[in-house]
């Protein structure tokens, strides 16, 4: 009986050793733990795997977000400065050389010159032009205005001609029945010098009794 038990024990020990040494590399399949039996002590030692599988987790590098630049302010073009309106050129002063009345030019003080052919007249002072030339209309054919050097004899602001039954404002007489006065610049007179209203006013206020009036053809 004891022999039978010894044989069974030996057979069981052989089977255990064969099962534990089935892997020639000495490692458990799949990297598992290996149980080593100590026949003498009957204890079993379990060895942990040499190293745990390393799991590397790399933190993804954040990509830089799309850069957004603030829109540049559009530069508003300044409005062009308006050009100043040019002032009308001043009329050149009348040249005394254009005045054909030598006697009037040589007279000190105020005088008047009438150019019948040019249909112009001037006011002078000390040989210089102070007004004009302005347009005038003299006597028509058969009633021509006399030429020569005369003097202012009378002034009537609101003269009314009895002969022609017509108003003659701002009349400045330099001959009997002959005067500067407001009149038509399209119809010739009966000997007087027709002037525009503004011109007749200027002659009336400027010329005084005794002033020279020269009329040339």
N, C-alpha and C. Protein backbone atom coordinates (compact mmCIF):
# COMPACT_ATOMS: atom_id res chain seq x y z
N UNK A 1 0.82 -1.20 0.00
CA UNK A 1 0.00 0.00 0.00
C UNK A 1 0.86 1.25 0.00
N UNK A 2 1.87 1.30 0.81
CA UNK A 2 2.78 2.45 0.85
C UNK A 2 3.47 2.62 -0.48
N UNK A 3 3.81 1.58 -1.13
CA UNK A 3 4.46 1.69 -2.43
C UNK A 3 3.52 2.29 -3.45
N UNK A 4 2.29 1.89 -3.35
CA UNK A 4 1.32 2.46 -4.29
C UNK A 4 1.19 3.95 -4.10
N UNK A 5 1.13 4.43 -2.89
CA UNK A 5 1.01 5.85 -2.60
C UNK A 5 2.24 6.59 -3.05
N UNK A 6 3.43 6.02 -2.86
CA UNK A 6 4.66 6.68 -3.29
C UNK A 6 4.68 6.82 -4.80
N UNK A 7 4.19 5.78 -5.51
CA UNK A 7 4.18 5.85 -6.98
C UNK A 7 3.22 6.89 -7.48
N UNK A 8 2.07 6.98 -6.82
CA UNK A 8 1.09 8.00 -7.25
C UNK A 8 1.64 9.39 -7.02
N UNK A 9 2.32 9.56 -5.88
CA UNK A 9 2.89 10.89 -5.56
C UNK A 9 3.94 11.27 -6.56
N UNK A 10 4.78 10.33 -6.94
CA UNK A 10 5.84 10.63 -7.91
C UNK A 10 5.27 10.96 -9.26
N UNK A 11 4.20 10.27 -9.65
CA UNK A 11 3.57 10.55 -10.95
C UNK A 11 2.93 11.93 -10.97
N UNK A 12 2.31 12.30 -9.88
CA UNK A 12 1.68 13.64 -9.81
C UNK A 12 2.71 14.73 -9.87
N UNK A 13 3.85 14.51 -9.21
CA UNK A 13 4.92 15.52 -9.23
C UNK A 13 5.46 15.69 -10.62
N UNK A 14 5.59 14.60 -11.35
CA UNK A 14 6.11 14.69 -12.72
C UNK A 14 5.17 15.45 -13.61
N UNK A 15 3.87 15.22 -13.46
CA UNK A 15 2.89 15.94 -14.28
C UNK A 15 2.92 17.42 -14.01
N UNK A 16 3.08 17.83 -12.75
CA UNK A 16 3.13 19.26 -12.41
C UNK A 16 4.34 19.91 -13.02
N UNK A 17 5.48 19.26 -12.97
CA UNK A 17 6.70 19.84 -13.52
C UNK A 17 6.61 19.97 -15.03
N UNK A 18 5.98 18.97 -15.66
CA UNK A 18 5.85 19.04 -17.12
C UNK A 18 4.96 20.18 -17.52
N UNK A 19 3.85 20.42 -16.83
CA UNK A 19 2.92 21.50 -17.16
C UNK A 19 3.56 22.85 -16.96
N UNK A 20 4.39 23.09 -15.97
CA UNK A 20 4.98 24.40 -15.68
C UNK A 20 6.10 24.73 -16.61
N UNK A 21 6.74 23.68 -17.22
CA UNK A 21 7.88 23.96 -18.10
C UNK A 21 7.52 23.81 -19.56
N UNK A 22 6.24 23.97 -19.89
CA UNK A 22 5.82 23.81 -21.28
C UNK A 22 6.34 24.91 -22.18
N UNK A 23 6.67 26.10 -21.67
CA UNK A 23 7.19 27.23 -22.46
C UNK A 23 8.67 27.25 -22.30
N UNK A 24 9.41 27.02 -23.38
CA UNK A 24 10.87 26.91 -23.31
C UNK A 24 11.50 28.22 -22.95
N UNK A 25 10.84 29.35 -23.25
CA UNK A 25 11.42 30.67 -22.92
C UNK A 25 11.30 30.96 -21.46
N UNK A 26 10.56 30.19 -20.69
CA UNK A 26 10.43 30.41 -19.26
C UNK A 26 9.44 31.46 -18.95
N UNK A 27 8.77 32.05 -19.91
CA UNK A 27 7.78 33.11 -19.65
C UNK A 27 6.42 32.59 -19.88
N UNK A 28 5.46 33.11 -19.22
CA UNK A 28 4.07 32.69 -19.39
C UNK A 28 3.57 33.23 -20.70
N UNK A 29 2.74 32.42 -21.38
CA UNK A 29 2.19 32.90 -22.64
C UNK A 29 1.41 34.17 -22.40
N UNK A 30 1.58 35.11 -23.35
CA UNK A 30 0.84 36.38 -23.24
C UNK A 30 1.42 37.28 -22.20
N UNK A 31 2.64 36.98 -21.67
CA UNK A 31 3.27 37.88 -20.71
C UNK A 31 2.66 37.76 -19.35
N UNK A 32 1.95 36.65 -19.00
CA UNK A 32 1.33 36.51 -17.69
C UNK A 32 2.33 36.12 -16.64
N UNK A 33 1.90 35.98 -15.38
CA UNK A 33 2.79 35.62 -14.27
C UNK A 33 3.16 34.15 -14.37
N UNK A 34 4.34 33.79 -13.86
CA UNK A 34 4.86 32.41 -13.89
C UNK A 34 4.88 31.89 -12.47
N UNK A 35 4.27 30.76 -12.26
CA UNK A 35 4.25 30.15 -10.91
C UNK A 35 5.35 29.13 -10.83
N UNK A 36 6.28 29.33 -9.93
CA UNK A 36 7.40 28.42 -9.74
C UNK A 36 7.18 27.63 -8.46
N UNK A 37 7.19 26.36 -8.60
CA UNK A 37 6.96 25.51 -7.42
C UNK A 37 8.27 25.04 -6.83
N UNK A 38 8.36 25.06 -5.54
CA UNK A 38 9.54 24.55 -4.83
C UNK A 38 9.14 23.23 -4.23
N UNK A 39 9.62 22.10 -4.82
CA UNK A 39 9.20 20.79 -4.31
C UNK A 39 9.58 20.61 -2.87
N UNK A 40 10.64 21.21 -2.43
CA UNK A 40 11.07 20.97 -1.05
C UNK A 40 10.18 21.68 -0.08
N UNK A 41 9.88 22.95 -0.38
CA UNK A 41 9.12 23.73 0.60
C UNK A 41 7.65 23.71 0.34
N UNK A 42 7.26 23.35 -0.89
CA UNK A 42 5.85 23.31 -1.23
C UNK A 42 5.23 24.66 -1.37
N UNK A 43 6.06 25.73 -1.52
CA UNK A 43 5.52 27.10 -1.68
C UNK A 43 5.55 27.47 -3.14
N UNK A 44 4.71 28.43 -3.51
CA UNK A 44 4.60 28.90 -4.91
C UNK A 44 4.85 30.39 -4.94
N UNK A 45 5.79 30.83 -5.81
CA UNK A 45 6.14 32.25 -5.94
C UNK A 45 5.59 32.78 -7.25
N UNK A 46 4.92 33.89 -7.16
CA UNK A 46 4.34 34.53 -8.37
C UNK A 46 5.13 35.79 -8.66
N UNK A 47 5.71 35.87 -9.88
CA UNK A 47 6.47 37.08 -10.27
C UNK A 47 5.61 37.95 -11.18
N UNK A 48 5.61 39.21 -10.86
CA UNK A 48 4.83 40.18 -11.66
C UNK A 48 5.51 40.41 -13.00
N UNK A 49 4.81 40.76 -13.98
CA UNK A 49 5.44 41.07 -15.28
C UNK A 49 6.51 42.13 -15.09
N UNK A 50 7.57 41.95 -15.87
CA UNK A 50 8.72 42.85 -15.71
C UNK A 50 8.36 44.31 -15.93
N UNK A 51 7.54 44.56 -16.84
CA UNK A 51 7.16 45.97 -17.07
C UNK A 51 5.76 46.03 -17.62
N UNK A 52 5.04 46.99 -17.12
CA UNK A 52 3.68 47.19 -17.62
C UNK A 52 3.75 47.86 -18.98
N UNK A 53 2.83 47.47 -19.86
CA UNK A 53 2.86 48.12 -21.19
C UNK A 53 2.69 49.63 -21.04
N UNK A 54 3.65 50.30 -21.62
CA UNK A 54 3.65 51.78 -21.51
C UNK A 54 2.67 52.36 -22.51
N UNK A 55 1.83 53.16 -21.97
CA UNK A 55 0.88 53.86 -22.85
C UNK A 55 1.27 55.32 -22.89
N UNK A 56 1.77 55.70 -24.01
CA UNK A 56 2.20 57.10 -24.15
C UNK A 56 1.05 57.91 -24.71
N UNK A 57 0.71 58.90 -23.95
CA UNK A 57 -0.35 59.83 -24.44
C UNK A 57 0.26 61.22 -24.57
N UNK A 58 0.45 61.60 -25.78
CA UNK A 58 1.03 62.93 -26.01
C UNK A 58 -0.09 63.94 -26.17
N UNK A 59 0.07 64.98 -25.41
CA UNK A 59 -0.94 66.05 -25.49
C UNK A 59 -0.80 66.76 -26.82
N UNK A 60 -1.84 66.78 -27.61
CA UNK A 60 -1.71 67.45 -28.92
C UNK A 60 -1.42 68.93 -28.76
N UNK A 61 -0.46 69.33 -29.56
CA UNK A 61 -0.10 70.76 -29.52
C UNK A 61 -1.23 71.57 -30.13
N UNK A 62 -1.74 72.51 -29.37
CA UNK A 62 -2.87 73.30 -29.92
C UNK A 62 -2.40 74.14 -31.10
N UNK A 63 -3.17 74.03 -32.12
CA UNK A 63 -2.85 74.85 -33.30
C UNK A 63 -3.28 76.28 -33.03
N UNK A 64 -2.47 77.16 -33.54
CA UNK A 64 -2.79 78.58 -33.32
C UNK A 64 -4.04 78.93 -34.10
N UNK A 65 -4.92 79.58 -33.43
CA UNK A 65 -6.18 79.96 -34.07
C UNK A 65 -5.94 80.96 -35.19
N UNK A 66 -6.91 81.02 -36.03
CA UNK A 66 -6.79 81.96 -37.15
C UNK A 66 -6.73 83.37 -36.61
N UNK A 67 -5.67 84.06 -37.00
CA UNK A 67 -5.51 85.44 -36.50
C UNK A 67 -6.50 86.36 -37.21
N UNK A 68 -7.20 87.11 -36.40
CA UNK A 68 -8.16 88.05 -36.99
C UNK A 68 -7.69 89.46 -36.68
N UNK A 69 -7.36 90.16 -37.72
CA UNK A 69 -6.93 91.55 -37.54
C UNK A 69 -8.12 92.46 -37.71
N UNK A 70 -8.19 93.44 -36.83
CA UNK A 70 -9.31 94.37 -36.91
C UNK A 70 -9.20 95.17 -38.20
N UNK A 71 -10.33 95.38 -38.88
CA UNK A 71 -10.26 96.11 -40.16
C UNK A 71 -9.74 97.52 -39.98
N UNK A 72 -8.88 97.91 -40.91
CA UNK A 72 -8.33 99.26 -40.84
C UNK A 72 -9.40 100.28 -41.19
N UNK A 73 -9.45 101.33 -40.44
CA UNK A 73 -10.47 102.35 -40.77
C UNK A 73 -10.18 102.99 -42.12
N UNK A 74 -11.22 103.10 -42.89
CA UNK A 74 -11.04 103.74 -44.20
C UNK A 74 -10.83 105.23 -44.01
N UNK A 75 -9.82 105.71 -44.66
CA UNK A 75 -9.51 107.14 -44.52
C UNK A 75 -10.46 107.94 -45.40
N UNK A 76 -11.18 108.82 -44.77
CA UNK A 76 -12.12 109.65 -45.52
C UNK A 76 -11.36 110.80 -46.17
N UNK A 77 -11.52 110.93 -47.47
CA UNK A 77 -10.82 112.00 -48.18
C UNK A 77 -11.41 113.35 -47.81
N UNK A 78 -10.53 114.26 -47.52
CA UNK A 78 -11.00 115.60 -47.17
C UNK A 78 -11.56 116.28 -48.41
N UNK A 79 -12.66 116.99 -48.19
CA UNK A 79 -13.29 117.68 -49.31
C UNK A 79 -12.37 118.79 -49.81
N UNK A 80 -12.28 118.91 -51.11
CA UNK A 80 -11.42 119.99 -51.63
C UNK A 80 -11.93 121.35 -51.24
N UNK A 81 -11.00 122.17 -50.85
CA UNK A 81 -11.38 123.54 -50.47
C UNK A 81 -11.87 124.29 -51.69
N UNK A 82 -13.09 124.83 -51.58
CA UNK A 82 -13.59 125.56 -52.75
C UNK A 82 -12.73 126.76 -53.08
N UNK A 83 -12.52 126.93 -54.35
CA UNK A 83 -11.70 128.06 -54.78
C UNK A 83 -12.49 129.36 -54.61
N UNK A 84 -11.84 130.36 -54.09
CA UNK A 84 -12.55 131.64 -53.93
C UNK A 84 -12.94 132.23 -55.27
N UNK A 85 -14.12 132.79 -55.28
CA UNK A 85 -14.59 133.42 -56.51
C UNK A 85 -13.74 134.65 -56.81
N UNK A 86 -13.12 134.65 -57.98
CA UNK A 86 -12.27 135.82 -58.30
C UNK A 86 -13.10 137.09 -58.41
N UNK A 87 -12.57 138.13 -57.82
CA UNK A 87 -13.27 139.41 -57.90
C UNK A 87 -13.10 140.00 -59.30
N UNK A 88 -14.13 140.63 -59.77
CA UNK A 88 -14.00 141.23 -61.10
C UNK A 88 -12.91 142.29 -61.11
N UNK A 89 -12.16 142.24 -62.16
CA UNK A 89 -11.04 143.20 -62.26
C UNK A 89 -11.57 144.62 -62.32
N UNK A 90 -10.90 145.46 -61.58
CA UNK A 90 -11.32 146.86 -61.56
C UNK A 90 -11.04 147.49 -62.92
N UNK A 91 -11.97 148.32 -63.32
CA UNK A 91 -11.80 148.99 -64.60
C UNK A 91 -10.60 149.93 -64.52
N UNK A 92 -9.78 149.90 -65.53
CA UNK A 92 -8.63 150.81 -65.51
C UNK A 92 -9.08 152.26 -65.51
N UNK A 93 -8.35 153.07 -64.80
CA UNK A 93 -8.70 154.49 -64.74
C UNK A 93 -8.60 155.10 -66.13
N UNK A 94 -9.56 155.98 -66.42
CA UNK A 94 -9.57 156.63 -67.73
C UNK A 94 -8.31 157.47 -67.90
N UNK A 95 -7.77 157.39 -69.08
CA UNK A 95 -6.55 158.13 -69.38
C UNK A 95 -6.91 159.51 -69.93
N UNK A 96 -6.33 160.53 -69.35
CA UNK A 96 -6.61 161.89 -69.81
C UNK A 96 -6.16 162.11 -71.25
N UNK A 97 -5.23 161.23 -71.71
CA UNK A 97 -4.75 161.37 -73.09
C UNK A 97 -5.85 161.05 -74.09
N UNK A 98 -6.88 160.30 -73.63
CA UNK A 98 -7.99 159.95 -74.53
C UNK A 98 -9.03 161.07 -74.63
N UNK A 99 -8.91 162.08 -73.79
CA UNK A 99 -9.87 163.18 -73.78
C UNK A 99 -9.46 164.20 -74.84
N UNK A 100 -10.35 164.50 -75.80
CA UNK A 100 -9.98 165.40 -76.90
C UNK A 100 -10.13 166.89 -76.61
N UNK A 101 -10.53 167.25 -75.39
CA UNK A 101 -10.80 168.66 -75.06
C UNK A 101 -9.59 169.29 -74.39
N UNK A 102 -8.74 169.97 -75.16
CA UNK A 102 -7.53 170.56 -74.60
C UNK A 102 -7.82 171.71 -73.64
N UNK A 103 -8.80 172.51 -73.96
CA UNK A 103 -9.13 173.64 -73.09
C UNK A 103 -9.66 173.17 -71.75
N UNK A 104 -10.50 172.14 -71.77
CA UNK A 104 -11.05 171.61 -70.52
C UNK A 104 -9.94 170.98 -69.68
N UNK A 105 -9.00 170.29 -70.34
CA UNK A 105 -7.89 169.66 -69.62
C UNK A 105 -6.99 170.71 -68.98
N UNK A 106 -6.86 171.85 -69.61
CA UNK A 106 -5.97 172.90 -69.11
C UNK A 106 -6.63 173.77 -68.05
N UNK A 107 -7.91 173.56 -67.83
CA UNK A 107 -8.63 174.40 -66.87
C UNK A 107 -8.47 173.87 -65.45
N UNK A 108 -8.07 174.71 -64.49
CA UNK A 108 -8.03 174.27 -63.10
C UNK A 108 -9.45 174.09 -62.57
N UNK A 109 -9.60 173.17 -61.63
CA UNK A 109 -10.93 172.91 -61.09
C UNK A 109 -11.70 171.92 -61.95
N UNK A 110 -13.04 171.95 -61.82
CA UNK A 110 -13.91 170.99 -62.51
C UNK A 110 -14.30 171.53 -63.88
N UNK A 111 -14.35 170.61 -64.86
CA UNK A 111 -14.78 170.95 -66.22
C UNK A 111 -15.41 169.72 -66.86
N UNK A 112 -16.03 169.92 -68.02
CA UNK A 112 -16.66 168.83 -68.75
C UNK A 112 -16.22 168.87 -70.19
N UNK A 113 -16.12 167.66 -70.79
CA UNK A 113 -15.74 167.52 -72.19
C UNK A 113 -16.80 166.70 -72.90
N UNK A 114 -17.21 167.14 -74.12
CA UNK A 114 -18.19 166.41 -74.93
C UNK A 114 -17.59 166.16 -76.30
N UNK A 115 -17.53 164.86 -76.69
CA UNK A 115 -17.04 164.47 -78.02
C UNK A 115 -18.26 164.06 -78.84
N UNK A 116 -18.68 164.93 -79.78
CA UNK A 116 -19.91 164.68 -80.54
C UNK A 116 -19.81 163.44 -81.43
N UNK A 117 -18.70 163.28 -82.13
CA UNK A 117 -18.56 162.15 -83.07
C UNK A 117 -18.42 160.81 -82.35
N UNK A 118 -17.75 160.82 -81.21
CA UNK A 118 -17.55 159.56 -80.45
C UNK A 118 -18.73 159.25 -79.54
N UNK A 119 -19.65 160.19 -79.40
CA UNK A 119 -20.82 160.04 -78.51
C UNK A 119 -20.39 159.75 -77.07
N UNK A 120 -19.33 160.45 -76.62
CA UNK A 120 -18.81 160.27 -75.26
C UNK A 120 -18.69 161.61 -74.56
N UNK A 121 -18.67 161.55 -73.23
CA UNK A 121 -18.45 162.75 -72.42
C UNK A 121 -17.72 162.38 -71.14
N UNK A 122 -16.96 163.34 -70.57
CA UNK A 122 -16.15 163.12 -69.36
C UNK A 122 -16.34 164.29 -68.39
N UNK A 123 -16.08 164.03 -67.14
CA UNK A 123 -15.93 165.07 -66.13
C UNK A 123 -14.46 165.09 -65.74
N UNK A 124 -13.88 166.26 -65.65
CA UNK A 124 -12.46 166.42 -65.34
C UNK A 124 -12.28 167.29 -64.10
N UNK A 125 -11.13 167.13 -63.47
CA UNK A 125 -10.74 168.01 -62.38
C UNK A 125 -9.23 168.18 -62.41
N UNK A 126 -8.82 169.42 -62.59
CA UNK A 126 -7.39 169.74 -62.66
C UNK A 126 -6.67 168.90 -63.71
N UNK A 127 -7.32 168.71 -64.84
CA UNK A 127 -6.69 167.99 -65.94
C UNK A 127 -6.74 166.48 -65.84
N UNK A 128 -7.44 165.94 -64.84
CA UNK A 128 -7.55 164.49 -64.68
C UNK A 128 -9.01 164.05 -64.79
N UNK A 129 -9.20 162.85 -65.33
CA UNK A 129 -10.55 162.31 -65.47
C UNK A 129 -11.06 161.86 -64.11
N UNK A 130 -12.23 162.35 -63.72
CA UNK A 130 -12.84 161.91 -62.45
C UNK A 130 -14.13 161.13 -62.69
N UNK A 131 -14.62 161.15 -63.93
CA UNK A 131 -15.83 160.40 -64.26
C UNK A 131 -15.91 160.24 -65.77
N UNK A 132 -16.25 159.01 -66.22
CA UNK A 132 -16.40 158.76 -67.64
C UNK A 132 -15.22 158.01 -68.23
N UNK A 133 -15.30 157.77 -69.53
CA UNK A 133 -16.33 158.33 -70.41
C UNK A 133 -17.67 157.61 -70.27
N UNK A 134 -18.75 158.34 -70.48
CA UNK A 134 -20.10 157.77 -70.51
C UNK A 134 -20.73 158.16 -71.84
N UNK A 135 -21.74 157.36 -72.22
CA UNK A 135 -22.40 157.63 -73.49
C UNK A 135 -23.28 158.88 -73.40
N UNK A 136 -23.32 159.62 -74.50
CA UNK A 136 -24.22 160.78 -74.61
C UNK A 136 -24.80 160.80 -76.03
N UNK A 137 -25.91 161.46 -76.18
CA UNK A 137 -26.53 161.61 -77.50
C UNK A 137 -26.83 163.10 -77.72
N UNK A 138 -26.19 163.71 -78.73
CA UNK A 138 -26.33 165.16 -78.95
C UNK A 138 -27.52 165.49 -79.87
N UNK A 139 -27.51 166.72 -80.36
CA UNK A 139 -28.60 167.18 -81.23
C UNK A 139 -28.58 166.50 -82.59
N UNK A 140 -29.78 166.31 -83.13
CA UNK A 140 -29.91 165.66 -84.43
C UNK A 140 -29.57 166.64 -85.55
N UNK A 141 -29.58 166.14 -86.75
CA UNK A 141 -29.27 166.97 -87.92
C UNK A 141 -30.29 168.10 -88.03
N UNK A 142 -29.81 169.27 -88.21
CA UNK A 142 -30.67 170.45 -88.24
C UNK A 142 -30.79 171.10 -86.89
N UNK A 143 -30.42 170.37 -85.84
CA UNK A 143 -30.44 170.91 -84.47
C UNK A 143 -29.13 170.50 -83.76
N UNK A 144 -28.05 170.59 -84.47
CA UNK A 144 -26.76 170.14 -83.95
C UNK A 144 -26.34 170.93 -82.71
N UNK A 145 -25.71 170.26 -81.81
CA UNK A 145 -25.18 170.91 -80.61
C UNK A 145 -23.99 171.77 -81.01
N UNK A 146 -23.94 173.02 -80.59
CA UNK A 146 -22.82 173.91 -80.95
C UNK A 146 -21.51 173.42 -80.36
N UNK A 147 -20.41 173.63 -81.09
CA UNK A 147 -19.08 173.29 -80.56
C UNK A 147 -18.43 174.56 -80.02
N UNK A 148 -17.45 174.37 -79.11
CA UNK A 148 -16.75 175.51 -78.52
C UNK A 148 -16.55 175.33 -77.03
N UNK A 149 -16.06 176.39 -76.40
CA UNK A 149 -15.83 176.38 -74.94
C UNK A 149 -16.88 177.27 -74.30
N UNK A 150 -17.62 176.71 -73.34
CA UNK A 150 -18.73 177.42 -72.69
C UNK A 150 -18.60 177.31 -71.17
N UNK A 151 -19.54 177.96 -70.49
CA UNK A 151 -19.54 177.88 -69.02
C UNK A 151 -20.95 177.57 -68.52
N UNK A 152 -20.99 176.87 -67.40
CA UNK A 152 -22.28 176.53 -66.80
C UNK A 152 -22.97 177.83 -66.38
N UNK A 153 -24.22 177.98 -66.84
CA UNK A 153 -24.97 179.22 -66.54
C UNK A 153 -26.11 179.00 -65.55
N UNK A 154 -26.66 177.80 -65.51
CA UNK A 154 -27.79 177.55 -64.60
C UNK A 154 -27.97 176.04 -64.39
N UNK A 155 -28.62 175.70 -63.28
CA UNK A 155 -28.94 174.30 -62.97
C UNK A 155 -30.38 174.25 -62.47
N UNK A 156 -31.17 173.33 -63.03
CA UNK A 156 -32.56 173.14 -62.59
C UNK A 156 -32.77 171.63 -62.40
N UNK A 157 -33.09 171.25 -61.16
CA UNK A 157 -33.21 169.82 -60.83
C UNK A 157 -34.35 169.16 -61.61
N UNK A 158 -35.53 169.74 -61.56
CA UNK A 158 -36.69 169.13 -62.24
C UNK A 158 -37.24 170.11 -63.30
N UNK A 159 -36.45 170.32 -64.30
CA UNK A 159 -36.85 171.26 -65.35
C UNK A 159 -37.89 170.62 -66.27
N UNK A 160 -38.87 171.43 -66.68
CA UNK A 160 -39.89 170.97 -67.63
C UNK A 160 -39.90 171.96 -68.80
N UNK A 161 -39.60 171.43 -69.99
CA UNK A 161 -39.51 172.28 -71.18
C UNK A 161 -40.91 172.68 -71.65
N UNK A 162 -41.16 173.99 -71.74
CA UNK A 162 -42.44 174.47 -72.27
C UNK A 162 -42.47 174.33 -73.79
N UNK A 163 -41.28 174.50 -74.40
CA UNK A 163 -41.21 174.40 -75.86
C UNK A 163 -41.58 173.01 -76.36
N UNK A 164 -41.08 171.98 -75.65
CA UNK A 164 -41.33 170.61 -76.09
C UNK A 164 -42.31 169.87 -75.17
N UNK A 165 -42.76 170.59 -74.12
CA UNK A 165 -43.68 170.00 -73.15
C UNK A 165 -43.17 168.63 -72.68
N UNK A 166 -41.92 168.64 -72.20
CA UNK A 166 -41.29 167.38 -71.77
C UNK A 166 -40.43 167.63 -70.53
N UNK A 167 -40.40 166.65 -69.61
CA UNK A 167 -39.54 166.80 -68.44
C UNK A 167 -38.08 166.62 -68.83
N UNK A 168 -37.20 167.38 -68.20
CA UNK A 168 -35.77 167.28 -68.46
C UNK A 168 -35.04 167.31 -67.11
N UNK A 169 -35.07 166.17 -66.38
CA UNK A 169 -34.46 166.14 -65.05
C UNK A 169 -32.96 166.44 -65.09
N UNK A 170 -32.47 167.00 -63.99
CA UNK A 170 -31.03 167.28 -63.79
C UNK A 170 -30.45 168.15 -64.92
N UNK A 171 -31.15 169.18 -65.26
CA UNK A 171 -30.67 170.06 -66.34
C UNK A 171 -29.53 170.96 -65.87
N UNK A 172 -28.43 170.93 -66.62
CA UNK A 172 -27.27 171.80 -66.38
C UNK A 172 -27.06 172.60 -67.67
N UNK A 173 -27.46 173.87 -67.67
CA UNK A 173 -27.39 174.70 -68.88
C UNK A 173 -25.99 175.32 -69.05
N UNK A 174 -25.47 175.27 -70.28
CA UNK A 174 -24.21 175.93 -70.60
C UNK A 174 -24.37 176.87 -71.81
N UNK A 175 -25.55 176.87 -72.41
CA UNK A 175 -25.95 177.80 -73.48
C UNK A 175 -27.46 178.02 -73.34
N UNK A 176 -27.97 179.12 -73.81
CA UNK A 176 -29.43 179.29 -73.75
C UNK A 176 -30.17 178.16 -74.48
N UNK A 177 -30.98 177.46 -73.77
CA UNK A 177 -31.75 176.34 -74.34
C UNK A 177 -30.95 175.08 -74.57
N UNK A 178 -29.68 175.07 -74.20
CA UNK A 178 -28.83 173.86 -74.39
C UNK A 178 -28.31 173.43 -73.02
N UNK A 179 -28.56 172.14 -72.70
CA UNK A 179 -28.17 171.66 -71.37
C UNK A 179 -27.84 170.16 -71.40
N UNK A 180 -27.11 169.73 -70.37
CA UNK A 180 -27.02 168.28 -70.06
C UNK A 180 -28.32 167.95 -69.32
N UNK A 181 -28.96 166.83 -69.62
CA UNK A 181 -30.12 166.39 -68.83
C UNK A 181 -30.43 164.93 -69.13
N UNK A 182 -31.27 164.34 -68.29
CA UNK A 182 -31.68 162.96 -68.51
C UNK A 182 -32.50 162.89 -69.79
N UNK A 183 -32.14 161.96 -70.67
CA UNK A 183 -32.86 161.83 -71.94
C UNK A 183 -32.59 160.50 -72.60
N UNK A 184 -33.25 160.27 -73.72
CA UNK A 184 -33.11 159.02 -74.46
C UNK A 184 -31.72 158.88 -75.06
N UNK A 185 -31.19 157.66 -74.99
CA UNK A 185 -29.89 157.37 -75.60
C UNK A 185 -30.07 156.66 -76.94
N UNK A 186 -31.30 156.70 -77.45
CA UNK A 186 -31.57 156.13 -78.77
C UNK A 186 -32.18 157.16 -79.73
N UNK A 187 -32.67 158.27 -79.17
CA UNK A 187 -33.28 159.33 -79.99
C UNK A 187 -32.48 160.61 -79.81
N UNK A 188 -31.98 161.16 -80.90
CA UNK A 188 -31.20 162.40 -80.82
C UNK A 188 -32.09 163.57 -80.36
N UNK A 189 -31.43 164.57 -79.78
CA UNK A 189 -32.15 165.71 -79.19
C UNK A 189 -32.29 166.87 -80.19
N UNK A 190 -32.79 167.97 -79.65
CA UNK A 190 -32.90 169.22 -80.43
C UNK A 190 -31.73 170.16 -80.10
N UNK A 191 -30.63 169.59 -79.64
CA UNK A 191 -29.44 170.38 -79.35
C UNK A 191 -28.84 170.10 -77.98
N UNK A 192 -29.67 169.59 -77.06
CA UNK A 192 -29.16 169.27 -75.71
C UNK A 192 -28.31 167.99 -75.74
N UNK A 193 -27.65 167.71 -74.62
CA UNK A 193 -26.86 166.49 -74.46
C UNK A 193 -27.66 165.52 -73.58
N UNK A 194 -28.15 164.45 -74.21
CA UNK A 194 -28.89 163.43 -73.45
C UNK A 194 -27.90 162.53 -72.69
N UNK A 195 -28.25 162.26 -71.44
CA UNK A 195 -27.45 161.36 -70.59
C UNK A 195 -28.37 160.34 -69.93
N UNK A 196 -27.79 159.22 -69.49
CA UNK A 196 -28.53 158.26 -68.68
C UNK A 196 -28.83 158.92 -67.34
N UNK A 197 -29.82 158.39 -66.62
CA UNK A 197 -30.25 159.01 -65.36
C UNK A 197 -29.10 159.13 -64.36
N UNK A 198 -28.31 158.05 -64.21
CA UNK A 198 -27.20 158.08 -63.24
C UNK A 198 -26.15 159.11 -63.65
N UNK A 199 -25.86 159.17 -64.95
CA UNK A 199 -24.85 160.13 -65.43
C UNK A 199 -25.32 161.56 -65.26
N UNK A 200 -26.60 161.81 -65.56
CA UNK A 200 -27.12 163.18 -65.42
C UNK A 200 -27.10 163.62 -63.96
N UNK A 201 -27.35 162.67 -63.05
CA UNK A 201 -27.28 162.99 -61.62
C UNK A 201 -25.85 163.37 -61.22
N UNK A 202 -24.87 162.62 -61.75
CA UNK A 202 -23.47 162.90 -61.46
C UNK A 202 -23.07 164.28 -61.99
N UNK A 203 -23.47 164.61 -63.21
CA UNK A 203 -23.14 165.92 -63.80
C UNK A 203 -23.82 167.05 -63.01
N UNK A 204 -25.06 166.79 -62.57
CA UNK A 204 -25.80 167.84 -61.84
C UNK A 204 -25.13 168.16 -60.50
N UNK A 205 -24.67 167.13 -59.81
CA UNK A 205 -24.06 167.36 -58.49
C UNK A 205 -22.61 167.85 -58.59
N UNK A 206 -21.91 167.51 -59.68
CA UNK A 206 -20.48 167.86 -59.80
C UNK A 206 -20.27 169.26 -60.40
N UNK A 207 -20.96 169.55 -61.47
CA UNK A 207 -20.75 170.85 -62.14
C UNK A 207 -21.43 171.99 -61.39
N UNK A 208 -20.73 173.07 -61.30
CA UNK A 208 -21.26 174.26 -60.63
C UNK A 208 -21.23 175.45 -61.61
N UNK A 209 -21.94 176.47 -61.25
CA UNK A 209 -22.03 177.67 -62.10
C UNK A 209 -20.62 178.22 -62.39
N UNK A 210 -20.34 178.49 -63.68
CA UNK A 210 -19.04 179.02 -64.08
C UNK A 210 -18.07 177.97 -64.55
N UNK A 211 -18.32 176.67 -64.27
CA UNK A 211 -17.39 175.61 -64.71
C UNK A 211 -17.37 175.52 -66.24
N UNK A 212 -16.20 175.16 -66.78
CA UNK A 212 -15.99 175.07 -68.23
C UNK A 212 -16.64 173.82 -68.81
N UNK A 213 -17.32 174.00 -69.95
CA UNK A 213 -17.84 172.88 -70.74
C UNK A 213 -17.32 173.06 -72.15
N UNK A 214 -16.52 172.10 -72.62
CA UNK A 214 -15.98 172.17 -73.98
C UNK A 214 -16.64 171.09 -74.83
N UNK A 215 -17.12 171.51 -76.02
CA UNK A 215 -17.76 170.58 -76.96
C UNK A 215 -16.92 170.55 -78.23
N UNK A 216 -16.49 169.34 -78.64
CA UNK A 216 -15.69 169.17 -79.87
C UNK A 216 -16.45 168.27 -80.83
N UNK A 217 -16.17 168.48 -82.12
CA UNK A 217 -16.89 167.72 -83.15
C UNK A 217 -16.39 166.28 -83.25
